[in-house]
Amino acid sequence: VQLQASGGGSVQPGGSLRLSCAASGSIFWFSTWRMGWYRQAPGKQRELVASITRDGLTNYADSVKGRFTISRDNANNRVYLEMNSLKREDTAVYYCVALTPNYWGQGTQVTVSS
């Protein structure tokens, strides 16, 4: 299973980015997986920022509630993270993760700086 994240980059505080994750390989059961986005900032522990169940139920870290939105497109085996009102503290490497059954993709860097 491969999880390819894209959409990262540099943005000013208050800006927006949309991360995409494309799943490929042995993903017949993709639509049943609970998917999520983790992030890790330098010197900090990895943090689960958002997750979405097979039924579309979502959960967010308090630090991103009201600013980030996770969604999924099961027909195309994709997961998205819409990030608005970005803050400097959102700077991190973001990872797309299949929480069940625990597959990790390579991260994409998000930098929020003026």
PDB file of N, CA and C in Angstrom:
ATOM      1  N   VAL A   1       0.856  -1.193   0.000  1.00  0.00           N
ATOM      2  CA  VAL A   1       0.000   0.000   0.000  1.00  0.00           C
ATOM      3  C   VAL A   1       0.889   1.238   0.000  1.00  0.00           C
ATOM      4  N   GLN A   2       0.564   2.165  -0.876  1.00  0.00           N
ATOM      5  CA  GLN A   2       1.295   3.442  -0.916  1.00  0.00           C
ATOM      6  C   GLN A   2       0.300   4.570  -0.657  1.00  0.00           C
ATOM      7  N   LEU A   3       0.711   5.505   0.183  1.00  0.00           N
ATOM      8  CA  LEU A   3      -0.082   6.692   0.470  1.00  0.00           C
ATOM      9  C   LEU A   3       0.770   7.893   0.093  1.00  0.00           C
ATOM     10  N   GLN A   4       0.390   8.543  -0.998  1.00  0.00           N
ATOM     11  CA  GLN A   4       1.183   9.651  -1.513  1.00  0.00           C
ATOM     12  C   GLN A   4       0.507  10.961  -1.166  1.00  0.00           C
ATOM     13  N   ALA A   5       1.148  11.731  -0.301  1.00  0.00           N
ATOM     14  CA  ALA A   5       0.614  13.031   0.104  1.00  0.00           C
ATOM     15  C   ALA A   5       1.195  14.122  -0.781  1.00  0.00           C
ATOM     16  N   SER A   6       0.381  15.113  -1.063  1.00  0.00           N
ATOM     17  CA  SER A   6       0.823  16.251  -1.863  1.00  0.00           C
ATOM     18  C   SER A   6       0.054  17.492  -1.436  1.00  0.00           C
ATOM     19  N   GLY A   7       0.500  18.634  -1.926  1.00  0.00           N
ATOM     20  CA  GLY A   7      -0.212  19.866  -1.642  1.00  0.00           C
ATOM     21  C   GLY A   7       0.434  20.749  -0.601  1.00  0.00           C
ATOM     22  N   GLY A   8       1.517  20.281  -0.012  1.00  0.00           N
ATOM     23  CA  GLY A   8       2.201  21.115   0.969  1.00  0.00           C
ATOM     24  C   GLY A   8       2.913  22.271   0.302  1.00  0.00           C
ATOM     25  N   GLY A   9       3.428  23.165   1.118  1.00  0.00           N
ATOM     26  CA  GLY A   9       4.147  24.308   0.594  1.00  0.00           C
ATOM     27  C   GLY A   9       4.294  25.377   1.644  1.00  0.00           C
ATOM     28  N   SER A  10       4.641  26.571   1.189  1.00  0.00           N
ATOM     29  CA  SER A  10       4.820  27.711   2.072  1.00  0.00           C
ATOM     30  C   SER A  10       3.664  28.672   1.898  1.00  0.00           C
ATOM     31  N   VAL A  11       3.181  29.187   3.008  1.00  0.00           N
ATOM     32  CA  VAL A  11       2.038  30.096   2.971  1.00  0.00           C
ATOM     33  C   VAL A  11       2.183  31.088   4.120  1.00  0.00           C
ATOM     34  N   GLN A  12       1.603  32.251   3.945  1.00  0.00           N
ATOM     35  CA  GLN A  12       1.628  33.257   4.993  1.00  0.00           C
ATOM     36  C   GLN A  12       0.587  32.950   6.049  1.00  0.00           C
ATOM     37  N   PRO A  13       0.785  33.436   7.260  1.00  0.00           N
ATOM     38  CA  PRO A  13      -0.241  33.268   8.296  1.00  0.00           C
ATOM     39  C   PRO A  13      -1.590  33.789   7.805  1.00  0.00           C
ATOM     40  N   GLY A  14      -2.623  33.022   8.089  1.00  0.00           N
ATOM     41  CA  GLY A  14      -3.955  33.361   7.630  1.00  0.00           C
ATOM     42  C   GLY A  14      -4.316  32.738   6.299  1.00  0.00           C
ATOM     43  N   GLY A  15      -3.332  32.148   5.647  1.00  0.00           N
ATOM     44  CA  GLY A  15      -3.563  31.541   4.350  1.00  0.00           C
ATOM     45  C   GLY A  15      -4.154  30.150   4.435  1.00  0.00           C
ATOM     46  N   SER A  16      -4.292  29.532   3.260  1.00  0.00           N
ATOM     47  CA  SER A  16      -4.919  28.213   3.165  1.00  0.00           C
ATOM     48  C   SER A  16      -4.089  27.284   2.296  1.00  0.00           C
ATOM     49  N   LEU A  17      -4.206  26.007   2.589  1.00  0.00           N
ATOM     50  CA  LEU A  17      -3.629  24.958   1.765  1.00  0.00           C
ATOM     51  C   LEU A  17      -4.575  23.771   1.776  1.00  0.00           C
ATOM     52  N   ARG A  18      -4.500  22.977   0.717  1.00  0.00           N
ATOM     53  CA  ARG A  18      -5.275  21.739   0.658  1.00  0.00           C
ATOM     54  C   ARG A  18      -4.332  20.584   0.391  1.00  0.00           C
ATOM     55  N   LEU A  19      -4.251  19.688   1.351  1.00  0.00           N
ATOM     56  CA  LEU A  19      -3.439  18.492   1.192  1.00  0.00           C
ATOM     57  C   LEU A  19      -4.280  17.379   0.582  1.00  0.00           C
ATOM     58  N   SER A  20      -3.646  16.603  -0.287  1.00  0.00           N
ATOM     59  CA  SER A  20      -4.298  15.444  -0.884  1.00  0.00           C
ATOM     60  C   SER A  20      -3.488  14.194  -0.581  1.00  0.00           C
ATOM     61  N   CYS A  21      -4.170  13.077  -0.479  1.00  0.00           N
ATOM     62  CA  CYS A  21      -3.509  11.796  -0.261  1.00  0.00           C
ATOM     63  C   CYS A  21      -4.116  10.795  -1.226  1.00  0.00           C
ATOM     64  N   ALA A  22      -3.274  10.221  -2.052  1.00  0.00           N
ATOM     65  CA  ALA A  22      -3.722   9.215  -3.009  1.00  0.00           C
ATOM     66  C   ALA A  22      -3.232   7.852  -2.565  1.00  0.00           C
ATOM     67  N   ALA A  23      -4.154   6.931  -2.415  1.00  0.00           N
ATOM     68  CA  ALA A  23      -3.814   5.567  -2.012  1.00  0.00           C
ATOM     69  C   ALA A  23      -3.723   4.674  -3.236  1.00  0.00           C
ATOM     70  N   SER A  24      -2.738   3.787  -3.225  1.00  0.00           N
ATOM     71  CA  SER A  24      -2.579   2.849  -4.330  1.00  0.00           C
ATOM     72  C   SER A  24      -2.007   1.540  -3.807  1.00  0.00           C
ATOM     73  N   GLY A  25      -2.045   0.519  -4.645  1.00  0.00           N
ATOM     74  CA  GLY A  25      -1.562  -0.798  -4.238  1.00  0.00           C
ATOM     75  C   GLY A  25      -2.723  -1.686  -3.828  1.00  0.00           C
ATOM     76  N   SER A  26      -2.536  -2.408  -2.761  1.00  0.00           N
ATOM     77  CA  SER A  26      -3.562  -3.345  -2.274  1.00  0.00           C
ATOM     78  C   SER A  26      -4.597  -2.587  -1.441  1.00  0.00           C
ATOM     79  N   ILE A  27      -5.493  -1.885  -2.109  1.00  0.00           N
ATOM     80  CA  ILE A  27      -6.420  -0.978  -1.427  1.00  0.00           C
ATOM     81  C   ILE A  27      -7.864  -1.344  -1.683  1.00  0.00           C
ATOM     82  N   PHE A  28      -8.119  -2.631  -1.892  1.00  0.00           N
ATOM     83  CA  PHE A  28      -9.498  -3.065  -2.154  1.00  0.00           C
ATOM     84  C   PHE A  28     -10.435  -2.623  -1.049  1.00  0.00           C
ATOM     85  N   TRP A  29      -9.903  -2.624   0.214  1.00  0.00           N
ATOM     86  CA  TRP A  29     -10.743  -2.284   1.352  1.00  0.00           C
ATOM     87  C   TRP A  29     -10.607  -0.821   1.775  1.00  0.00           C
ATOM     88  N   PHE A  30     -10.077   0.018   0.916  1.00  0.00           N
ATOM     89  CA  PHE A  30      -9.825   1.425   1.278  1.00  0.00           C
ATOM     90  C   PHE A  30     -11.055   2.086   1.889  1.00  0.00           C
ATOM     91  N   SER A  31     -12.214   1.830   1.317  1.00  0.00           N
ATOM     92  CA  SER A  31     -13.423   2.520   1.777  1.00  0.00           C
ATOM     93  C   SER A  31     -13.789   2.159   3.211  1.00  0.00           C
ATOM     94  N   THR A  32     -13.227   1.073   3.727  1.00  0.00           N
ATOM     95  CA  THR A  32     -13.526   0.662   5.099  1.00  0.00           C
ATOM     96  C   THR A  32     -12.509   1.180   6.102  1.00  0.00           C
ATOM     97  N   TRP A  33     -11.408   1.703   5.619  1.00  0.00           N
ATOM     98  CA  TRP A  33     -10.343   2.149   6.511  1.00  0.00           C
ATOM     99  C   TRP A  33     -10.676   3.467   7.189  1.00  0.00           C
ATOM    100  N   ARG A  34     -10.289   3.569   8.442  1.00  0.00           N
ATOM    101  CA  ARG A  34     -10.288   4.878   9.114  1.00  0.00           C
ATOM    102  C   ARG A  34      -9.006   5.582   8.693  1.00  0.00           C
ATOM    103  N   MET A  35      -9.131   6.772   8.147  1.00  0.00           N
ATOM    104  CA  MET A  35      -7.996   7.517   7.618  1.00  0.00           C
ATOM    105  C   MET A  35      -7.718   8.757   8.467  1.00  0.00           C
ATOM    106  N   GLY A  36      -6.486   9.214   8.443  1.00  0.00           N
ATOM    107  CA  GLY A  36      -6.152  10.389   9.234  1.00  0.00           C
ATOM    108  C   GLY A  36      -4.949  11.133   8.701  1.00  0.00           C
ATOM    109  N   TRP A  37      -4.743  12.281   9.273  1.00  0.00           N
ATOM    110  CA  TRP A  37      -3.555  13.093   8.998  1.00  0.00           C
ATOM    111  C   TRP A  37      -2.844  13.348  10.324  1.00  0.00           C
ATOM    112  N   TYR A  38      -1.572  12.981  10.372  1.00  0.00           N
ATOM    113  CA  TYR A  38      -0.707  13.309  11.479  1.00  0.00           C
ATOM    114  C   TYR A  38       0.199  14.457  11.043  1.00  0.00           C
ATOM    115  N   ARG A  39       0.769  15.124  12.027  1.00  0.00           N
ATOM    116  CA  ARG A  39       1.812  16.094  11.730  1.00  0.00           C
ATOM    117  C   ARG A  39       2.904  16.006  12.792  1.00  0.00           C
ATOM    118  N   GLN A  40       4.087  16.404  12.383  1.00  0.00           N
ATOM    119  CA  GLN A  40       5.207  16.448  13.320  1.00  0.00           C
ATOM    120  C   GLN A  40       6.034  17.680  13.056  1.00  0.00           C
ATOM    121  N   ALA A  41       6.121  18.506  14.067  1.00  0.00           N
ATOM    122  CA  ALA A  41       6.938  19.712  13.992  1.00  0.00           C
ATOM    123  C   ALA A  41       8.300  19.430  14.620  1.00  0.00           C
ATOM    124  N   PRO A  42       9.310  20.172  14.244  1.00  0.00           N
ATOM    125  CA  PRO A  42      10.650  19.958  14.804  1.00  0.00           C
ATOM    126  C   PRO A  42      10.638  20.035  16.323  1.00  0.00           C
ATOM    127  N   GLY A  43      11.191  19.017  16.961  1.00  0.00           N
ATOM    128  CA  GLY A  43      11.281  19.006  18.405  1.00  0.00           C
ATOM    129  C   GLY A  43       9.994  18.697  19.134  1.00  0.00           C
ATOM    130  N   LYS A  44       8.938  18.342  18.392  1.00  0.00           N
ATOM    131  CA  LYS A  44       7.655  18.057  19.017  1.00  0.00           C
ATOM    132  C   LYS A  44       7.217  16.640  18.703  1.00  0.00           C
ATOM    133  N   GLN A  45       6.301  16.146  19.534  1.00  0.00           N
ATOM    134  CA  GLN A  45       5.757  14.814  19.293  1.00  0.00           C
ATOM    135  C   GLN A  45       4.795  14.824  18.117  1.00  0.00           C
ATOM    136  N   ARG A  46       4.685  13.679  17.485  1.00  0.00           N
ATOM    137  CA  ARG A  46       3.742  13.534  16.395  1.00  0.00           C
ATOM    138  C   ARG A  46       2.320  13.698  16.929  1.00  0.00           C
ATOM    139  N   GLU A  47       1.488  14.384  16.159  1.00  0.00           N
ATOM    140  CA  GLU A  47       0.128  14.711  16.604  1.00  0.00           C
ATOM    141  C   GLU A  47      -0.886  14.307  15.540  1.00  0.00           C
ATOM    142  N   LEU A  48      -1.939  13.620  15.972  1.00  0.00           N
ATOM    143  CA  LEU A  48      -3.042  13.294  15.074  1.00  0.00           C
ATOM    144  C   LEU A  48      -3.930  14.522  14.979  1.00  0.00           C
ATOM    145  N   VAL A  49      -3.991  15.150  13.830  1.00  0.00           N
ATOM    146  CA  VAL A  49      -4.757  16.391  13.711  1.00  0.00           C
ATOM    147  C   VAL A  49      -6.183  16.157  13.246  1.00  0.00           C
ATOM    148  N   ALA A  50      -6.414  15.109  12.465  1.00  0.00           N
ATOM    149  CA  ALA A  50      -7.763  14.860  11.976  1.00  0.00           C
ATOM    150  C   ALA A  50      -7.905  13.403  11.567  1.00  0.00           C
ATOM    151  N   SER A  51      -9.117  12.873  11.715  1.00  0.00           N
ATOM    152  CA  SER A  51      -9.393  11.514  11.261  1.00  0.00           C
ATOM    153  C   SER A  51     -10.801  11.449  10.715  1.00  0.00           C
ATOM    154  N   ILE A  52     -11.036  10.423   9.887  1.00  0.00           N
ATOM    155  CA  ILE A  52     -12.359  10.237   9.292  1.00  0.00           C
ATOM    156  C   ILE A  52     -12.625   8.745   9.184  1.00  0.00           C
ATOM    157  N   THR A  53     -13.820   8.344   9.595  1.00  0.00           N
ATOM    158  CA  THR A  53     -14.178   6.934   9.560  1.00  0.00           C
ATOM    159  C   THR A  53     -14.726   6.555   8.188  1.00  0.00           C
ATOM    160  N   ARG A  54     -14.995   5.267   8.025  1.00  0.00           N
ATOM    161  CA  ARG A  54     -15.565   4.777   6.774  1.00  0.00           C
ATOM    162  C   ARG A  54     -16.913   5.441   6.496  1.00  0.00           C
ATOM    163  N   ASP A  55     -17.604   5.829   7.565  1.00  0.00           N
ATOM    164  CA  ASP A  55     -18.926   6.439   7.418  1.00  0.00           C
ATOM    165  C   ASP A  55     -18.872   7.962   7.345  1.00  0.00           C
ATOM    166  N   GLY A  56     -17.662   8.515   7.353  1.00  0.00           N
ATOM    167  CA  GLY A  56     -17.539   9.957   7.220  1.00  0.00           C
ATOM    168  C   GLY A  56     -17.562  10.726   8.519  1.00  0.00           C
ATOM    169  N   LEU A  57     -17.516  10.021   9.643  1.00  0.00           N
ATOM    170  CA  LEU A  57     -17.457  10.714  10.929  1.00  0.00           C
ATOM    171  C   LEU A  57     -16.057  11.260  11.133  1.00  0.00           C
ATOM    172  N   THR A  58     -15.981  12.497  11.552  1.00  0.00           N
ATOM    173  CA  THR A  58     -14.685  13.154  11.664  1.00  0.00           C
ATOM    174  C   THR A  58     -14.346  13.513  13.106  1.00  0.00           C
ATOM    175  N   ASN A  59     -13.058  13.648  13.332  1.00  0.00           N
ATOM    176  CA  ASN A  59     -12.569  14.060  14.647  1.00  0.00           C
ATOM    177  C   ASN A  59     -11.333  14.916  14.435  1.00  0.00           C
ATOM    178  N   TYR A  60     -11.180  15.935  15.291  1.00  0.00           N
ATOM    179  CA  TYR A  60     -10.084  16.886  15.118  1.00  0.00           C
ATOM    180  C   TYR A  60      -9.380  17.159  16.436  1.00  0.00           C
ATOM    181  N   ALA A  61      -8.103  17.449  16.329  1.00  0.00           N
ATOM    182  CA  ALA A  61      -7.374  17.942  17.488  1.00  0.00           C
ATOM    183  C   ALA A  61      -7.904  19.326  17.837  1.00  0.00           C
ATOM    184  N   ASP A  62      -7.896  19.655  19.121  1.00  0.00           N
ATOM    185  CA  ASP A  62      -8.403  20.957  19.546  1.00  0.00           C
ATOM    186  C   ASP A  62      -7.670  22.097  18.851  1.00  0.00           C
ATOM    187  N   SER A  63      -6.413  21.878  18.562  1.00  0.00           N
ATOM    188  CA  SER A  63      -5.593  22.943  17.975  1.00  0.00           C
ATOM    189  C   SER A  63      -6.017  23.322  16.558  1.00  0.00           C
ATOM    190  N   VAL A  64      -6.791  22.462  15.896  1.00  0.00           N
ATOM    191  CA  VAL A  64      -7.173  22.749  14.504  1.00  0.00           C
ATOM    192  C   VAL A  64      -8.687  22.822  14.295  1.00  0.00           C
ATOM    193  N   LYS A  65      -9.456  22.580  15.344  1.00  0.00           N
ATOM    194  CA  LYS A  65     -10.920  22.602  15.212  1.00  0.00           C
ATOM    195  C   LYS A  65     -11.396  23.945  14.679  1.00  0.00           C
ATOM    196  N   GLY A  66     -12.290  23.875  13.715  1.00  0.00           N
ATOM    197  CA  GLY A  66     -12.835  25.086  13.123  1.00  0.00           C
ATOM    198  C   GLY A  66     -11.984  25.661  11.999  1.00  0.00           C
ATOM    199  N   ARG A  67     -10.770  25.128  11.828  1.00  0.00           N
ATOM    200  CA  ARG A  67      -9.887  25.629  10.777  1.00  0.00           C
ATOM    201  C   ARG A  67      -9.570  24.556   9.733  1.00  0.00           C
ATOM    202  N   PHE A  68      -9.488  23.301  10.156  1.00  0.00           N
ATOM    203  CA  PHE A  68      -9.148  22.207   9.240  1.00  0.00           C
ATOM    204  C   PHE A  68     -10.382  21.347   8.984  1.00  0.00           C
ATOM    205  N   THR A  69     -10.455  20.811   7.777  1.00  0.00           N
ATOM    206  CA  THR A  69     -11.539  19.897   7.425  1.00  0.00           C
ATOM    207  C   THR A  69     -10.961  18.704   6.687  1.00  0.00           C
ATOM    208  N   ILE A  70     -11.260  17.518   7.180  1.00  0.00           N
ATOM    209  CA  ILE A  70     -10.838  16.286   6.518  1.00  0.00           C
ATOM    210  C   ILE A  70     -12.012  15.725   5.740  1.00  0.00           C
ATOM    211  N   SER A  71     -11.716  15.173   4.575  1.00  0.00           N
ATOM    212  CA  SER A  71     -12.753  14.556   3.757  1.00  0.00           C
ATOM    213  C   SER A  71     -12.134  13.397   2.980  1.00  0.00           C
ATOM    214  N   ARG A  72     -13.003  12.577   2.392  1.00  0.00           N
ATOM    215  CA  ARG A  72     -12.514  11.436   1.640  1.00  0.00           C
ATOM    216  C   ARG A  72     -13.356  11.210   0.393  1.00  0.00           C
ATOM    217  N   ASP A  73     -12.714  10.616  -0.601  1.00  0.00           N
ATOM    218  CA  ASP A  73     -13.368  10.254  -1.860  1.00  0.00           C
ATOM    219  C   ASP A  73     -13.058   8.784  -2.078  1.00  0.00           C
ATOM    220  N   ASN A  74     -13.950   7.931  -1.638  1.00  0.00           N
ATOM    221  CA  ASN A  74     -13.689   6.491  -1.712  1.00  0.00           C
ATOM    222  C   ASN A  74     -13.645   5.982  -3.160  1.00  0.00           C
ATOM    223  N   ALA A  75     -14.388   6.626  -4.026  1.00  0.00           N
ATOM    224  CA  ALA A  75     -14.410   6.185  -5.430  1.00  0.00           C
ATOM    225  C   ALA A  75     -13.030   6.333  -6.073  1.00  0.00           C
ATOM    226  N   ASN A  76     -12.282   7.326  -5.605  1.00  0.00           N
ATOM    227  CA  ASN A  76     -10.957   7.589  -6.170  1.00  0.00           C
ATOM    228  C   ASN A  76      -9.830   7.320  -5.190  1.00  0.00           C
ATOM    229  N   ASN A  77     -10.166   6.701  -4.056  1.00  0.00           N
ATOM    230  CA  ASN A  77      -9.162   6.308  -3.061  1.00  0.00           C
ATOM    231  C   ASN A  77      -8.308   7.496  -2.602  1.00  0.00           C
ATOM    232  N   ARG A  78      -8.988   8.556  -2.248  1.00  0.00           N
ATOM    233  CA  ARG A  78      -8.274   9.765  -1.838  1.00  0.00           C
ATOM    234  C   ARG A  78      -8.810  10.309  -0.519  1.00  0.00           C
ATOM    235  N   VAL A  79      -7.928  11.004   0.177  1.00  0.00           N
ATOM    236  CA  VAL A  79      -8.282  11.710   1.403  1.00  0.00           C
ATOM    237  C   VAL A  79      -7.717  13.121   1.287  1.00  0.00           C
ATOM    238  N   TYR A  80      -8.442  14.072   1.844  1.00  0.00           N
ATOM    239  CA  TYR A  80      -8.037  15.468   1.739  1.00  0.00           C
ATOM    240  C   TYR A  80      -7.997  16.110   3.120  1.00  0.00           C
ATOM    241  N   LEU A  81      -7.176  17.152   3.227  1.00  0.00           N
ATOM    242  CA  LEU A  81      -7.170  17.979   4.427  1.00  0.00           C
ATOM    243  C   LEU A  81      -7.156  19.439   3.977  1.00  0.00           C
ATOM    244  N   GLU A  82      -8.288  20.086   4.172  1.00  0.00           N
ATOM    245  CA  GLU A  82      -8.405  21.505   3.861  1.00  0.00           C
ATOM    246  C   GLU A  82      -7.972  22.275   5.100  1.00  0.00           C
ATOM    247  N   MET A  83      -6.984  23.156   4.932  1.00  0.00           N
ATOM    248  CA  MET A  83      -6.436  23.894   6.066  1.00  0.00           C
ATOM    249  C   MET A  83      -6.617  25.387   5.821  1.00  0.00           C
ATOM    250  N   ASN A  84      -7.371  26.021   6.675  1.00  0.00           N
ATOM    251  CA  ASN A  84      -7.636  27.454   6.559  1.00  0.00           C
ATOM    252  C   ASN A  84      -7.115  28.190   7.792  1.00  0.00           C
ATOM    253  N   SER A  85      -7.015  29.500   7.674  1.00  0.00           N
ATOM    254  CA  SER A  85      -6.547  30.342   8.783  1.00  0.00           C
ATOM    255  C   SER A  85      -5.283  29.769   9.400  1.00  0.00           C
ATOM    256  N   LEU A  86      -4.339  29.451   8.552  1.00  0.00           N
ATOM    257  CA  LEU A  86      -3.121  28.788   9.018  1.00  0.00           C
ATOM    258  C   LEU A  86      -2.321  29.702   9.934  1.00  0.00           C
ATOM    259  N   LYS A  87      -1.710  29.068  10.931  1.00  0.00           N
ATOM    260  CA  LYS A  87      -0.895  29.764  11.916  1.00  0.00           C
ATOM    261  C   LYS A  87       0.543  29.255  11.836  1.00  0.00           C
ATOM    262  N   ARG A  88       1.457  30.040  12.360  1.00  0.00           N
ATOM    263  CA  ARG A  88       2.855  29.610  12.342  1.00  0.00           C
ATOM    264  C   ARG A  88       3.030  28.261  13.019  1.00  0.00           C
ATOM    265  N   GLU A  89       2.254  28.031  14.059  1.00  0.00           N
ATOM    266  CA  GLU A  89       2.385  26.769  14.789  1.00  0.00           C
ATOM    267  C   GLU A  89       1.835  25.568  14.024  1.00  0.00           C
ATOM    268  N   ASP A  90       1.250  25.793  12.878  1.00  0.00           N
ATOM    269  CA  ASP A  90       0.828  24.683  12.017  1.00  0.00           C
ATOM    270  C   ASP A  90       1.986  24.155  11.163  1.00  0.00           C
ATOM    271  N   THR A  91       3.108  24.833  11.213  1.00  0.00           N
ATOM    272  CA  THR A  91       4.275  24.396  10.456  1.00  0.00           C
ATOM    273  C   THR A  91       4.726  23.018  10.926  1.00  0.00           C
ATOM    274  N   ALA A  92       4.797  22.084   9.987  1.00  0.00           N
ATOM    275  CA  ALA A  92       5.135  20.697  10.325  1.00  0.00           C
ATOM    276  C   ALA A  92       5.202  19.881   9.045  1.00  0.00           C
ATOM    277  N   VAL A  93       5.664  18.656   9.182  1.00  0.00           N
ATOM    278  CA  VAL A  93       5.511  17.669   8.121  1.00  0.00           C
ATOM    279  C   VAL A  93       4.201  16.939   8.374  1.00  0.00           C
ATOM    280  N   TYR A  94       3.372  16.872   7.362  1.00  0.00           N
ATOM    281  CA  TYR A  94       2.061  16.247   7.476  1.00  0.00           C
ATOM    282  C   TYR A  94       2.081  14.891   6.777  1.00  0.00           C
ATOM    283  N   TYR A  95       1.533  13.894   7.494  1.00  0.00           N
ATOM    284  CA  TYR A  95       1.526  12.528   6.997  1.00  0.00           C
ATOM    285  C   TYR A  95       0.106  12.021   6.827  1.00  0.00           C
ATOM    286  N   CYS A  96      -0.141  11.408   5.707  1.00  0.00           N
ATOM    287  CA  CYS A  96      -1.396  10.709   5.479  1.00  0.00           C
ATOM    288  C   CYS A  96      -1.258   9.296   6.050  1.00  0.00           C
ATOM    289  N   VAL A  97      -2.244   8.870   6.823  1.00  0.00           N
ATOM    290  CA  VAL A  97      -2.152   7.586   7.516  1.00  0.00           C
ATOM    291  C   VAL A  97      -3.452   6.812   7.381  1.00  0.00           C
ATOM    292  N   ALA A  98      -3.321   5.533   7.076  1.00  0.00           N
ATOM    293  CA  ALA A  98      -4.462   4.624   7.202  1.00  0.00           C
ATOM    294  C   ALA A  98      -4.422   4.115   8.639  1.00  0.00           C
ATOM    295  N   LEU A  99      -5.229   4.707   9.512  1.00  0.00           N
ATOM    296  CA  LEU A  99      -5.171   4.398  10.934  1.00  0.00           C
ATOM    297  C   LEU A  99      -5.500   2.939  11.193  1.00  0.00           C
ATOM    298  N   THR A 100      -6.468   2.440  10.492  1.00  0.00           N
ATOM    299  CA  THR A 100      -6.682   0.993  10.448  1.00  0.00           C
ATOM    300  C   THR A 100      -6.629   0.617   8.977  1.00  0.00           C
ATOM    301  N   PRO A 101      -5.665  -0.101   8.543  1.00  0.00           N
ATOM    302  CA  PRO A 101      -4.808  -1.057   9.253  1.00  0.00           C
ATOM    303  C   PRO A 101      -3.366  -0.596   9.527  1.00  0.00           C
ATOM    304  N   ASN A 102      -3.140   0.692   9.691  1.00  0.00           N
ATOM    305  CA  ASN A 102      -1.833   1.247  10.066  1.00  0.00           C
ATOM    306  C   ASN A 102      -0.824   1.234   8.922  1.00  0.00           C
ATOM    307  N   TYR A 103      -1.109   2.036   7.915  1.00  0.00           N
ATOM    308  CA  TYR A 103      -0.167   2.306   6.838  1.00  0.00           C
ATOM    309  C   TYR A 103       0.173   3.793   6.873  1.00  0.00           C
ATOM    310  N   TRP A 104       1.450   4.083   6.646  1.00  0.00           N
ATOM    311  CA  TRP A 104       1.899   5.473   6.666  1.00  0.00           C
ATOM    312  C   TRP A 104       2.482   5.838   5.309  1.00  0.00           C
ATOM    313  N   GLY A 105       2.220   7.060   4.908  1.00  0.00           N
ATOM    314  CA  GLY A 105       2.816   7.566   3.699  1.00  0.00           C
ATOM    315  C   GLY A 105       3.969   8.495   4.014  1.00  0.00           C
ATOM    316  N   GLN A 106       4.664   8.931   2.973  1.00  0.00           N
ATOM    317  CA  GLN A 106       5.701   9.941   3.147  1.00  0.00           C
ATOM    318  C   GLN A 106       5.029  11.280   3.395  1.00  0.00           C
ATOM    319  N   GLY A 107       5.668  12.117   4.152  1.00  0.00           N
ATOM    320  CA  GLY A 107       5.058  13.372   4.526  1.00  0.00           C
ATOM    321  C   GLY A 107       5.206  14.455   3.488  1.00  0.00           C
ATOM    322  N   THR A 108       4.453  15.503   3.706  1.00  0.00           N
ATOM    323  CA  THR A 108       4.568  16.706   2.886  1.00  0.00           C
ATOM    324  C   THR A 108       4.750  17.901   3.827  1.00  0.00           C
ATOM    325  N   GLN A 109       5.691  18.768   3.489  1.00  0.00           N
ATOM    326  CA  GLN A 109       6.043  19.873   4.377  1.00  0.00           C
ATOM    327  C   GLN A 109       5.052  21.021   4.221  1.00  0.00           C
ATOM    328  N   VAL A 110       4.587  21.535   5.347  1.00  0.00           N
ATOM    329  CA  VAL A 110       3.773  22.744   5.381  1.00  0.00           C
ATOM    330  C   VAL A 110       4.521  23.768   6.223  1.00  0.00           C
ATOM    331  N   THR A 111       4.771  24.921   5.632  1.00  0.00           N
ATOM    332  CA  THR A 111       5.477  25.987   6.331  1.00  0.00           C
ATOM    333  C   THR A 111       4.622  27.242   6.318  1.00  0.00           C
ATOM    334  N   VAL A 112       4.346  27.751   7.495  1.00  0.00           N
ATOM    335  CA  VAL A 112       3.549  28.969   7.631  1.00  0.00           C
ATOM    336  C   VAL A 112       4.464  30.060   8.175  1.00  0.00           C
ATOM    337  N   SER A 113       4.730  31.031   7.333  1.00  0.00           N
ATOM    338  CA  SER A 113       5.697  32.057   7.692  1.00  0.00           C
ATOM    339  C   SER A 113       5.443  33.313   6.895  1.00  0.00           C
ATOM    340  N   SER A 114       5.724  34.439   7.516  1.00  0.00           N
ATOM    341  CA  SER A 114       5.595  35.703   6.801  1.00  0.00           C
ATOM    342  C   SER A 114       6.946  36.126   6.238  1.00  0.00           C
TER     343      SER A 114
END
